[in-house]
């Protein structure tokens, strides 16, 4: 049995190590006590067991009730710290503000927290804080540039959302679970809206998508982008499952009511003076519904925006010039009519 000598030796050492010393302080192994990292507790130097110090007396500090003079002193100290540090001369610290400036600051302070627009998932998005815009009367302006709304959840294939910006190209998002830029249909309209917003936030270089029930609002990712140049187009061939809106105008080619509706859409499209490919398709679809010919369309464009209206070429993404005598646009780079 010589082979079990090491085992017996280890067993004996374990018995010695775990043995209880009646003369020690630790209630578990009898080891010596030392100060613990927790206030009011002791720690065993052998087994690291911690227990409450029976001799510890908690010091009760009387907290001064807040008073006007104490708050005034804290505010004064805070201002001194700000003025002496990196945040010196921050707005609101200087006392030389005029009455109008102080009133304006007070209005901004009241509206600051309630004026934030939009939602985002901080766990998956690298997003800076939202820009907050104010008008001349310090009213907060919405940063939303367009939206889509799920009006029915009966997607049957072919549905597509396009996001365009002149010079930056077009982003395509479709009802297709297998595509990396496709969304899936949820159990209800709100769930489908979440799926659309998630895929857009994951892939888009142009916008952030914010969810409000079945409605998805879009905010531009870069403050250098102009809202007037942003293009939103929805293709829903199977029915009315999803509609788009920009500037208070519903961009739905399937439900135009009158020539005035077409005029409103043309005004919205020509806000930046450029007709993008998706905008051109939208206008063509509405003209087909209302029976508007190309000549009337060009006359309306000239009336609203003038002869310098450009059209983005579908081949080279260059800018085609308008030739009103031909009621069409010509791209010199491609040497072709658009």
Protein backbone atom coordinates (compact mmCIF):
# COMPACT_ATOMS: atom_id res chain seq x y z
CA UNK A 1 0.00 0.00 0.00
CA UNK A 2 3.01 2.23 -0.41
CA UNK A 3 1.37 4.03 -3.31
CA UNK A 4 -1.19 5.70 -1.05
CA UNK A 5 1.37 7.50 1.09
CA UNK A 6 0.93 10.82 -0.72
CA UNK A 7 -2.86 10.60 -0.41
CA UNK A 8 -2.68 10.04 3.33
CA UNK A 9 -0.22 12.88 3.73
CA UNK A 10 -2.54 15.28 1.87
CA UNK A 11 -5.49 14.14 3.95
CA UNK A 12 -3.61 14.81 7.16
CA UNK A 13 -2.58 18.27 5.98
CA UNK A 14 -6.20 19.06 5.11
CA UNK A 15 -7.29 18.01 8.60
CA UNK A 16 -4.68 20.31 10.10
CA UNK A 17 -5.64 23.21 7.88
CA UNK A 18 -9.36 22.85 8.54
CA UNK A 19 -8.96 22.19 12.21
CA UNK A 20 -10.71 24.53 14.65
CA UNK A 21 -8.66 26.61 17.06
CA UNK A 22 -10.65 27.48 20.16
CA UNK A 23 -8.23 30.25 21.08
CA UNK A 24 -8.73 32.17 17.78
CA UNK A 25 -11.29 34.83 16.80
CA UNK A 26 -12.89 33.36 13.67
CA UNK A 27 -16.15 31.50 14.40
CA UNK A 28 -15.46 29.16 11.49
CA UNK A 29 -11.82 28.10 11.89
CA UNK A 30 -10.58 29.95 14.92
CA UNK A 31 -8.14 32.09 12.95
CA UNK A 32 -7.00 35.56 13.92
CA UNK A 33 -9.23 38.52 13.07
CA UNK A 34 -8.18 41.50 11.00
CA UNK A 35 -9.94 44.57 9.62
CA UNK A 36 -12.36 43.87 6.78
CA UNK A 37 -12.95 46.01 3.71
CA UNK A 38 -16.56 46.42 4.90
CA UNK A 39 -17.19 48.93 7.63
CA UNK A 40 -18.29 47.25 10.89
CA UNK A 41 -17.00 43.79 9.91
CA UNK A 42 -13.94 41.66 10.71
CA UNK A 43 -12.14 39.23 8.42
CA UNK A 44 -10.32 35.98 9.23
CA UNK A 45 -6.66 35.97 8.19
CA UNK A 46 -6.76 32.21 7.49
CA UNK A 47 -10.03 31.42 5.72
CA UNK A 48 -11.10 35.00 4.79
CA UNK A 49 -14.47 34.51 6.48
CA UNK A 50 -16.13 37.80 7.43
CA UNK A 51 -18.39 38.44 10.42
CA UNK A 52 -19.91 41.44 12.14
CA UNK A 53 -17.72 43.20 14.68
CA UNK A 54 -19.52 42.97 18.05
CA UNK A 55 -17.65 46.04 19.34
CA UNK A 56 -18.48 48.27 16.38
CA UNK A 57 -20.52 51.37 17.21
CA UNK A 58 -22.08 53.17 14.27
CA UNK A 59 -21.51 56.90 14.21
CA UNK A 60 -24.73 58.73 13.50
CA UNK A 61 -24.24 62.04 11.73
CA UNK A 62 -26.88 64.66 12.03
CA UNK A 63 -27.79 65.98 8.55
CA UNK A 64 -28.46 69.66 8.44
CA UNK A 65 -31.89 70.50 7.08
CA UNK A 66 -31.70 72.48 3.82
CA UNK A 67 -32.01 76.21 4.23
CA UNK A 68 -32.10 79.15 1.85
CA UNK A 69 -28.68 80.40 2.98
CA UNK A 70 -27.11 76.94 2.57
CA UNK A 71 -28.50 76.56 -0.97
CA UNK A 72 -27.35 80.07 -1.86
CA UNK A 73 -23.84 79.23 -0.65
CA UNK A 74 -23.75 76.02 -2.71
CA UNK A 75 -24.87 77.86 -5.83
CA UNK A 76 -22.23 80.55 -5.28
CA UNK A 77 -19.54 77.89 -4.84
CA UNK A 78 -20.71 76.10 -7.97
CA UNK A 79 -20.47 79.29 -10.03
CA UNK A 80 -16.98 79.97 -8.72
CA UNK A 81 -15.87 76.45 -9.65
CA UNK A 82 -17.30 76.82 -13.15
CA UNK A 83 -15.74 80.23 -13.73
CA UNK A 84 -12.32 79.04 -12.63
CA UNK A 85 -12.33 75.85 -14.69
CA UNK A 86 -12.72 74.71 -18.29
CA UNK A 87 -16.40 75.70 -18.37
CA UNK A 88 -15.71 79.36 -17.64
CA UNK A 89 -18.10 81.79 -19.29
CA UNK A 90 -20.66 79.06 -19.93
CA UNK A 91 -24.06 80.48 -20.85
CA UNK A 92 -26.04 81.33 -17.73
CA UNK A 93 -23.06 81.71 -15.39
CA UNK A 94 -22.23 85.27 -16.28
CA UNK A 95 -24.33 87.75 -14.37
CA UNK A 96 -24.06 90.47 -17.03
CA UNK A 97 -26.93 89.04 -19.08
CA UNK A 98 -29.68 91.37 -20.17
CA UNK A 99 -33.27 90.89 -19.10
CA UNK A 100 -34.17 89.57 -22.55
CA UNK A 101 -31.31 87.05 -22.43
CA UNK A 102 -32.33 85.82 -18.99
CA UNK A 103 -35.94 85.39 -20.12
CA UNK A 104 -34.80 83.52 -23.22
CA UNK A 105 -32.62 81.20 -21.12
CA UNK A 106 -35.52 80.52 -18.80
CA UNK A 107 -37.75 79.54 -21.72
CA UNK A 108 -35.04 77.24 -23.10
CA UNK A 109 -34.61 75.62 -19.71
CA UNK A 110 -38.34 74.94 -19.40
CA UNK A 111 -38.48 73.33 -22.87
CA UNK A 112 -35.17 71.49 -22.84
CA UNK A 113 -36.25 68.14 -21.44
CA UNK A 114 -39.72 67.98 -23.02
CA UNK A 115 -38.45 68.94 -26.46
CA UNK A 116 -36.28 65.92 -27.22
CA UNK A 117 -37.54 64.04 -30.28
CA UNK A 118 -36.90 60.44 -31.27
CA UNK A 119 -35.79 57.19 -29.67
CA UNK A 120 -32.80 54.97 -30.24
CA UNK A 121 -31.26 51.79 -28.91
CA UNK A 122 -28.00 52.77 -27.24
CA UNK A 123 -26.89 49.13 -27.16
CA UNK A 124 -26.71 48.77 -30.93
CA UNK A 125 -26.43 52.31 -32.31
CA UNK A 126 -23.42 54.59 -32.37
CA UNK A 127 -25.48 57.72 -32.16
CA UNK A 128 -24.64 61.18 -30.89
CA UNK A 129 -27.24 63.17 -28.91
CA UNK A 130 -29.99 64.68 -31.01
CA UNK A 131 -29.62 68.23 -32.25
CA UNK A 132 -32.27 70.53 -30.82
CA UNK A 133 -33.48 73.36 -33.06
CA UNK A 134 -35.39 76.45 -31.96
CA UNK A 135 -37.28 79.09 -33.88
CA UNK A 136 -37.15 82.83 -33.25
CA UNK A 137 -39.55 82.49 -30.32
CA UNK A 138 -37.52 79.67 -28.71
CA UNK A 139 -40.06 77.03 -29.72
CA UNK A 140 -38.51 73.63 -30.27
CA UNK A 141 -38.64 72.42 -33.87
CA UNK A 142 -39.06 68.77 -34.72
CA UNK A 143 -36.05 67.11 -36.35
CA UNK A 144 -38.24 64.61 -38.23
CA UNK A 145 -38.00 64.91 -42.02
CA UNK A 146 -40.43 62.19 -43.19
CA UNK A 147 -42.33 59.13 -42.01
CA UNK A 148 -43.97 55.89 -43.07
CA UNK A 149 -47.02 54.31 -41.44
CA UNK A 150 -48.12 50.68 -41.46
CA UNK A 151 -51.86 50.95 -42.16
CA UNK A 152 -52.37 47.21 -42.68
CA UNK A 153 -50.26 44.17 -41.93
CA UNK A 154 -51.14 42.12 -45.01
CA UNK A 155 -47.82 42.25 -46.86
CA UNK A 156 -47.86 39.83 -49.78
CA UNK A 157 -44.48 40.55 -51.40
CA UNK A 158 -42.96 43.32 -53.48
CA UNK A 159 -43.28 46.06 -50.84
CA UNK A 160 -40.26 48.38 -50.81
CA UNK A 161 -39.06 51.54 -49.07
CA UNK A 162 -36.48 53.72 -50.82
CA UNK A 163 -34.38 56.41 -49.15
CA UNK A 164 -32.53 58.73 -51.54
CA UNK A 165 -30.27 61.74 -51.37
CA UNK A 166 -28.77 63.43 -54.47
CA UNK A 167 -25.10 62.54 -54.83
CA UNK A 168 -25.27 59.86 -52.10
CA UNK A 169 -27.35 57.26 -53.90
CA UNK A 170 -30.40 55.20 -53.01
CA UNK A 171 -31.00 52.76 -50.15
CA UNK A 172 -33.47 49.92 -50.78
CA UNK A 173 -35.39 48.17 -47.97
CA UNK A 174 -37.88 45.45 -48.88
CA UNK A 175 -40.24 42.91 -47.34
CA UNK A 176 -37.80 40.00 -47.53
CA UNK A 177 -36.55 38.15 -44.43
CA UNK A 178 -33.63 36.61 -46.33
CA UNK A 179 -32.15 39.94 -47.40
CA UNK A 180 -29.73 41.77 -45.08
CA UNK A 181 -31.72 44.94 -45.77
CA UNK A 182 -35.12 43.25 -45.65
CA UNK A 183 -37.74 43.33 -42.91
CA UNK A 184 -40.12 40.65 -41.69
CA UNK A 185 -43.83 40.85 -41.00
CA UNK A 186 -44.67 40.81 -37.30
CA UNK A 187 -47.80 39.63 -35.55
CA UNK A 188 -49.23 43.15 -35.78
CA UNK A 189 -48.46 46.50 -37.42
CA UNK A 190 -46.40 47.70 -34.44
CA UNK A 191 -44.14 44.63 -34.60
CA UNK A 192 -43.63 45.09 -38.35
CA UNK A 193 -42.76 48.75 -37.77
CA UNK A 194 -40.10 47.68 -35.25
CA UNK A 195 -38.60 45.28 -37.78
CA UNK A 196 -38.45 48.02 -40.44
CA UNK A 197 -36.91 50.51 -38.02
CA UNK A 198 -34.30 48.01 -36.85
CA UNK A 199 -33.08 47.17 -40.35
CA UNK A 200 -32.94 50.85 -41.33
CA UNK A 201 -31.03 51.84 -38.19
CA UNK A 202 -28.62 48.97 -38.82
CA UNK A 203 -27.92 49.77 -42.48
CA UNK A 204 -28.82 53.35 -43.36
CA UNK A 205 -26.20 56.05 -43.90
CA UNK A 206 -28.88 58.71 -44.28
CA UNK A 207 -31.42 58.51 -41.45
CA UNK A 208 -32.32 57.27 -38.00
CA UNK A 209 -35.68 55.53 -37.65
CA UNK A 210 -37.85 56.27 -34.62
CA UNK A 211 -40.89 54.15 -33.72
CA UNK A 212 -44.24 55.42 -32.48
CA UNK A 213 -46.67 52.53 -32.67
CA UNK A 214 -47.15 51.62 -36.37
CA UNK A 215 -45.55 54.92 -37.44
CA UNK A 216 -41.83 55.25 -38.25
CA UNK A 217 -40.31 58.73 -38.27
CA UNK A 218 -36.99 59.54 -39.94
CA UNK A 219 -34.29 61.95 -38.79
CA UNK A 220 -31.19 62.76 -40.83
CA UNK A 221 -27.98 61.23 -39.49
CA UNK A 222 -25.72 64.08 -40.56
CA UNK A 223 -26.52 67.72 -39.86
CA UNK A 224 -24.91 68.64 -43.19
CA UNK A 225 -27.75 66.87 -45.02
CA UNK A 226 -30.71 69.04 -46.00
CA UNK A 227 -34.26 67.93 -45.32
CA UNK A 228 -35.45 69.38 -48.64
CA UNK A 229 -33.11 67.07 -50.60
CA UNK A 230 -34.08 63.89 -48.76
CA UNK A 231 -36.35 61.60 -50.80
CA UNK A 232 -38.72 58.96 -49.43
CA UNK A 233 -40.51 56.58 -51.79
CA UNK A 234 -42.77 53.62 -50.99
CA UNK A 235 -43.66 50.96 -53.55
CA UNK A 236 -46.63 48.86 -52.39
CA UNK A 237 -47.97 46.99 -55.43
CA UNK A 238 -50.23 44.52 -53.64
CA UNK A 239 -52.45 46.98 -51.79
CA UNK A 240 -52.40 49.76 -49.22
CA UNK A 241 -50.25 48.31 -46.45
CA UNK A 242 -47.77 51.16 -46.02
CA UNK A 243 -47.91 54.88 -46.85
CA UNK A 244 -45.25 57.60 -46.84
CA UNK A 245 -45.50 61.22 -45.74
CA UNK A 246 -43.19 64.19 -46.05
CA UNK A 247 -43.86 67.83 -45.22
CA UNK A 248 -47.50 67.08 -44.41
CA UNK A 249 -48.08 65.62 -47.91
CA UNK A 250 -49.04 61.95 -48.29
CA UNK A 251 -46.87 60.43 -51.02
CA UNK A 252 -49.33 57.83 -52.29
CA UNK A 253 -49.62 57.48 -56.07
CA UNK A 254 -52.61 55.15 -55.75
CA UNK A 255 -54.97 57.65 -54.17
CA UNK A 256 -54.66 61.07 -55.84
CA UNK A 257 -57.80 63.16 -55.62
CA UNK A 258 -57.28 66.14 -57.90
CA UNK A 259 -54.81 68.17 -59.92
CA UNK A 260 -54.19 70.23 -56.78
CA UNK A 261 -52.88 67.10 -55.05
CA UNK A 262 -50.42 66.64 -57.89
CA UNK A 263 -49.34 70.28 -57.62
CA UNK A 264 -48.66 69.82 -53.90
CA UNK A 265 -46.50 66.76 -54.56
CA UNK A 266 -44.57 68.61 -57.29
CA UNK A 267 -43.93 71.51 -54.89
CA UNK A 268 -42.59 69.08 -52.31
CA UNK A 269 -40.39 67.31 -54.87
CA UNK A 270 -38.96 70.58 -56.22
CA UNK A 271 -38.12 71.97 -52.79
CA UNK A 272 -34.42 71.40 -53.55
CA UNK A 273 -34.70 72.00 -57.32
CA UNK A 274 -33.79 68.39 -58.21
CA UNK A 275 -36.02 65.50 -59.31
CA UNK A 276 -34.50 62.21 -58.14
CA UNK A 277 -35.26 58.84 -59.82
CA UNK A 278 -37.73 57.80 -57.13
CA UNK A 279 -39.43 61.19 -57.20
CA UNK A 280 -39.67 60.92 -60.98
CA UNK A 281 -41.31 57.50 -60.63
CA UNK A 282 -43.78 58.85 -58.05
CA UNK A 283 -44.76 61.78 -60.25
CA UNK A 284 -45.15 59.51 -63.29
CA UNK A 285 -47.43 57.15 -61.32
CA UNK A 286 -49.67 60.03 -60.21
CA UNK A 287 -49.82 61.40 -63.77
CA UNK A 288 -50.94 57.97 -64.98
CA UNK A 289 -53.74 57.96 -62.41
CA UNK A 290 -54.93 61.47 -63.25
CA UNK A 291 -54.26 61.41 -66.98
CA UNK A 292 -51.77 64.31 -66.93
CA UNK A 293 -49.52 64.55 -69.98
CA UNK A 294 -45.81 65.38 -69.93
CA UNK A 295 -46.32 68.86 -71.39
CA UNK A 296 -48.56 69.93 -68.53
CA UNK A 297 -46.08 68.40 -66.10
CA UNK A 298 -43.19 70.44 -67.53
CA UNK A 299 -45.27 73.63 -67.50
CA UNK A 300 -46.06 73.00 -63.84
CA UNK A 301 -42.37 72.43 -63.06
CA UNK A 302 -41.44 75.69 -64.82
CA UNK A 303 -44.14 77.56 -62.92
CA UNK A 304 -43.01 76.25 -59.54
CA UNK A 305 -39.21 76.02 -59.87
CA UNK A 306 -38.17 77.59 -63.17
CA UNK A 307 -36.12 76.44 -66.14
CA UNK A 308 -33.08 75.57 -63.95
CA UNK A 309 -34.82 72.51 -62.52
CA UNK A 310 -32.51 69.49 -62.72
CA UNK A 311 -33.22 65.77 -62.93
CA UNK A 312 -30.84 63.15 -61.56
CA UNK A 313 -29.81 60.75 -64.34
CA UNK A 314 -30.64 57.11 -63.62
CA UNK A 315 -27.54 55.92 -65.50
CA UNK A 316 -24.69 58.08 -64.20
CA UNK A 317 -26.32 59.95 -61.27
CA UNK A 318 -25.34 63.20 -62.99
CA UNK A 319 -27.63 66.20 -63.35
CA UNK A 320 -29.67 66.43 -66.56
CA UNK A 321 -30.80 69.83 -67.83
CA UNK A 322 -34.35 70.73 -68.77
CA UNK A 323 -35.16 71.51 -72.42
CA UNK A 324 -38.68 72.90 -72.29
CA UNK A 325 -39.12 72.87 -76.07
CA UNK A 326 -38.85 69.05 -75.91
CA UNK A 327 -40.62 68.76 -72.54
CA UNK A 328 -37.78 66.54 -71.31
CA UNK A 329 -34.38 66.50 -69.59
CA UNK A 330 -31.11 65.70 -71.36
CA UNK A 331 -28.00 64.22 -69.70
CA UNK A 332 -24.87 65.45 -71.53
CA UNK A 333 -22.63 62.86 -69.86
CA UNK A 334 -24.71 59.93 -71.10
CA UNK A 335 -25.93 61.76 -74.22
CA UNK A 336 -29.42 60.51 -73.53
CA UNK A 337 -32.84 61.85 -72.59
CA UNK A 338 -34.07 61.27 -69.04
